[in-house]
Amino acid sequence: MNNFIKLNKRNDYISFVEDTRDCFECPEEWENFFGFCLECDDDGNELEDIWSYSKNNKFETEPLENEYPVVAYCNIDNSADRFGSFNIRIFDYIPMRKLAVNGQR
């Protein structure tokens, strides 16, 4: 997965994080990458989903409320070569208001 995406509001960000879950080998890697931790029972069963978590919590990679809309870049790649498997994971964003307008800054 390697793409740019426009996130207009917090709900877009949460949907984006939710959609990337399958790009990770396990839920813990997904949570660590975006900087959150869903509540689980002793057997590891999730007791909340990402939407209920977001009602009372923030994500470490989440843009500030006044930064929306943003253009986010995400590269999640699980690859292997002759030395073994490796992962490339990048998430960054820039607020739309900081982008050049009509070729000027």
C-alpha atoms as a PDB file:
ATOM      1  CA  MET A   1       0.000   0.000   0.000  1.00  0.00           C
ATOM      2  CA  ASN A   2       1.548   3.257  -1.086  1.00  0.00           C
ATOM      3  CA  ASN A   3      -0.611   6.291  -1.628  1.00  0.00           C
ATOM      4  CA  PHE A   4      -1.625   9.838  -0.876  1.00  0.00           C
ATOM      5  CA  ILE A   5      -5.035  10.486   0.609  1.00  0.00           C
ATOM      6  CA  LYS A   6      -6.916  13.625   1.548  1.00  0.00           C
ATOM      7  CA  LEU A   7      -8.372  13.524   5.043  1.00  0.00           C
ATOM      8  CA  ASN A   8     -11.005  16.216   5.533  1.00  0.00           C
ATOM      9  CA  LYS A   9     -11.842  15.541   9.171  1.00  0.00           C
ATOM     10  CA  ARG A  10     -11.073  13.245  12.097  1.00  0.00           C
ATOM     11  CA  ASN A  11     -13.605  10.626  10.988  1.00  0.00           C
ATOM     12  CA  ASP A  12     -11.699  10.303   7.697  1.00  0.00           C
ATOM     13  CA  TYR A  13      -8.493   9.672   9.635  1.00  0.00           C
ATOM     14  CA  ILE A  14     -10.148   7.026  11.817  1.00  0.00           C
ATOM     15  CA  SER A  15     -11.605   5.290   8.730  1.00  0.00           C
ATOM     16  CA  PHE A  16      -8.166   5.368   7.115  1.00  0.00           C
ATOM     17  CA  VAL A  17      -6.530   3.776  10.173  1.00  0.00           C
ATOM     18  CA  GLU A  18      -9.278   1.146  10.269  1.00  0.00           C
ATOM     19  CA  ASP A  19      -8.801   0.359   6.558  1.00  0.00           C
ATOM     20  CA  THR A  20      -5.062  -0.247   6.993  1.00  0.00           C
ATOM     21  CA  ARG A  21      -5.491  -2.958   9.637  1.00  0.00           C
ATOM     22  CA  ASP A  22      -5.097  -5.807   7.140  1.00  0.00           C
ATOM     23  CA  CYS A  23      -1.728  -4.398   5.985  1.00  0.00           C
ATOM     24  CA  PHE A  24      -0.122  -5.450   9.272  1.00  0.00           C
ATOM     25  CA  GLU A  25       0.858  -8.928  10.382  1.00  0.00           C
ATOM     26  CA  CYS A  26      -0.857  -8.606  13.777  1.00  0.00           C
ATOM     27  CA  PRO A  27      -3.117  -6.130  15.608  1.00  0.00           C
ATOM     28  CA  GLU A  28      -0.300  -5.076  17.958  1.00  0.00           C
ATOM     29  CA  GLU A  29       1.861  -3.891  15.032  1.00  0.00           C
ATOM     30  CA  TRP A  30      -1.096  -1.907  13.674  1.00  0.00           C
ATOM     31  CA  GLU A  31      -1.772  -0.304  17.062  1.00  0.00           C
ATOM     32  CA  ASN A  32       1.902   0.513  17.647  1.00  0.00           C
ATOM     33  CA  PHE A  33       2.300   2.054  14.204  1.00  0.00           C
ATOM     34  CA  PHE A  34      -0.589   4.516  14.679  1.00  0.00           C
ATOM     35  CA  GLY A  35      -0.001   4.982  18.412  1.00  0.00           C
ATOM     36  CA  PHE A  36      -3.001   3.560  20.203  1.00  0.00           C
ATOM     37  CA  CYS A  37      -3.999   0.477  22.181  1.00  0.00           C
ATOM     38  CA  LEU A  38      -7.442  -1.113  22.093  1.00  0.00           C
ATOM     39  CA  GLU A  39      -8.698  -2.552  25.347  1.00  0.00           C
ATOM     40  CA  CYS A  40      -8.508  -6.363  25.410  1.00  0.00           C
ATOM     41  CA  ASP A  41      -9.420  -9.107  27.866  1.00  0.00           C
ATOM     42  CA  ASP A  42      -6.913 -11.598  29.310  1.00  0.00           C
ATOM     43  CA  ASP A  43      -7.290 -13.849  26.248  1.00  0.00           C
ATOM     44  CA  GLY A  44      -6.471 -11.029  23.815  1.00  0.00           C
ATOM     45  CA  ASN A  45     -10.037 -10.527  22.585  1.00  0.00           C
ATOM     46  CA  GLU A  46     -10.733  -6.898  21.759  1.00  0.00           C
ATOM     47  CA  LEU A  47     -13.315  -5.293  24.026  1.00  0.00           C
ATOM     48  CA  GLU A  48     -13.651  -2.139  21.930  1.00  0.00           C
ATOM     49  CA  ASP A  49     -13.335  -1.151  18.310  1.00  0.00           C
ATOM     50  CA  ILE A  50     -11.414   1.756  16.871  1.00  0.00           C
ATOM     51  CA  TRP A  51     -14.511   3.993  16.817  1.00  0.00           C
ATOM     52  CA  SER A  52     -15.302   3.507  20.505  1.00  0.00           C
ATOM     53  CA  TYR A  53     -11.606   4.024  21.333  1.00  0.00           C
ATOM     54  CA  SER A  54     -11.553   7.311  19.403  1.00  0.00           C
ATOM     55  CA  LYS A  55     -14.448   8.797  21.374  1.00  0.00           C
ATOM     56  CA  ASN A  56     -12.271   9.238  24.478  1.00  0.00           C
ATOM     57  CA  ASN A  57      -8.717   8.905  23.157  1.00  0.00           C
ATOM     58  CA  LYS A  58      -6.281  10.334  20.634  1.00  0.00           C
ATOM     59  CA  PHE A  59      -3.903   8.539  18.285  1.00  0.00           C
ATOM     60  CA  GLU A  60      -0.196   9.458  18.383  1.00  0.00           C
ATOM     61  CA  THR A  61      -0.095   9.979  14.598  1.00  0.00           C
ATOM     62  CA  GLU A  62      -3.367  11.903  14.441  1.00  0.00           C
ATOM     63  CA  PRO A  63      -3.373  15.444  13.010  1.00  0.00           C
ATOM     64  CA  LEU A  64      -4.498  18.202  15.353  1.00  0.00           C
ATOM     65  CA  GLU A  65      -8.120  19.289  14.981  1.00  0.00           C
ATOM     66  CA  ASN A  66      -7.132  22.676  13.518  1.00  0.00           C
ATOM     67  CA  GLU A  67      -4.876  21.045  10.874  1.00  0.00           C
ATOM     68  CA  TYR A  68      -7.663  19.421   8.848  1.00  0.00           C
ATOM     69  CA  PRO A  69      -7.970  19.008   5.937  1.00  0.00           C
ATOM     70  CA  VAL A  70      -4.624  17.277   5.419  1.00  0.00           C
ATOM     71  CA  VAL A  71      -2.924  15.324   2.675  1.00  0.00           C
ATOM     72  CA  ALA A  72      -1.556  12.122   4.177  1.00  0.00           C
ATOM     73  CA  TYR A  73       1.108   9.861   2.723  1.00  0.00           C
ATOM     74  CA  CYS A  74       1.185   6.248   3.764  1.00  0.00           C
ATOM     75  CA  ASN A  75       3.540   3.508   2.626  1.00  0.00           C
ATOM     76  CA  ILE A  76       3.013   0.088   4.157  1.00  0.00           C
ATOM     77  CA  ASP A  77       4.997  -2.649   2.470  1.00  0.00           C
ATOM     78  CA  ASN A  78       5.823  -6.141   3.674  1.00  0.00           C
ATOM     79  CA  SER A  79       8.511  -7.571   1.427  1.00  0.00           C
ATOM     80  CA  ALA A  80      11.119 -10.291   1.364  1.00  0.00           C
ATOM     81  CA  ASP A  81      14.511 -10.635  -0.247  1.00  0.00           C
ATOM     82  CA  ARG A  82      17.302 -13.182  -0.024  1.00  0.00           C
ATOM     83  CA  PHE A  83      18.155 -11.947   3.492  1.00  0.00           C
ATOM     84  CA  GLY A  84      14.635 -12.440   4.850  1.00  0.00           C
ATOM     85  CA  SER A  85      11.503 -10.408   5.263  1.00  0.00           C
ATOM     86  CA  PHE A  86      11.406  -6.714   6.049  1.00  0.00           C
ATOM     87  CA  ASN A  87       8.766  -4.042   6.496  1.00  0.00           C
ATOM     88  CA  ILE A  88       8.610  -0.461   5.302  1.00  0.00           C
ATOM     89  CA  ARG A  89       6.045   1.637   7.099  1.00  0.00           C
ATOM     90  CA  ILE A  90       5.729   5.396   6.729  1.00  0.00           C
ATOM     91  CA  PHE A  91       2.897   7.721   7.712  1.00  0.00           C
ATOM     92  CA  ASP A  92       3.123  11.486   7.448  1.00  0.00           C
ATOM     93  CA  TYR A  93       0.796  14.355   6.607  1.00  0.00           C
ATOM     94  CA  ILE A  94       0.784  18.034   5.729  1.00  0.00           C
ATOM     95  CA  PRO A  95      -2.104  20.445   6.317  1.00  0.00           C
ATOM     96  CA  MET A  96      -3.675  21.684   3.065  1.00  0.00           C
ATOM     97  CA  ARG A  97      -3.166  25.302   4.154  1.00  0.00           C
ATOM     98  CA  LYS A  98       0.602  24.763   4.083  1.00  0.00           C
ATOM     99  CA  LEU A  99       0.655  23.566   0.482  1.00  0.00           C
ATOM    100  CA  ALA A 100       1.597  26.007  -2.272  1.00  0.00           C
ATOM    101  CA  VAL A 101      -1.350  27.854  -3.803  1.00  0.00           C
ATOM    102  CA  ASN A 102      -1.119  28.650  -7.527  1.00  0.00           C
ATOM    103  CA  GLY A 103       2.597  27.866  -7.521  1.00  0.00           C
ATOM    104  CA  GLN A 104       3.384  30.376  -4.749  1.00  0.00           C
ATOM    105  CA  ARG A 105       4.124  29.868  -1.095  1.00  0.00           C
END
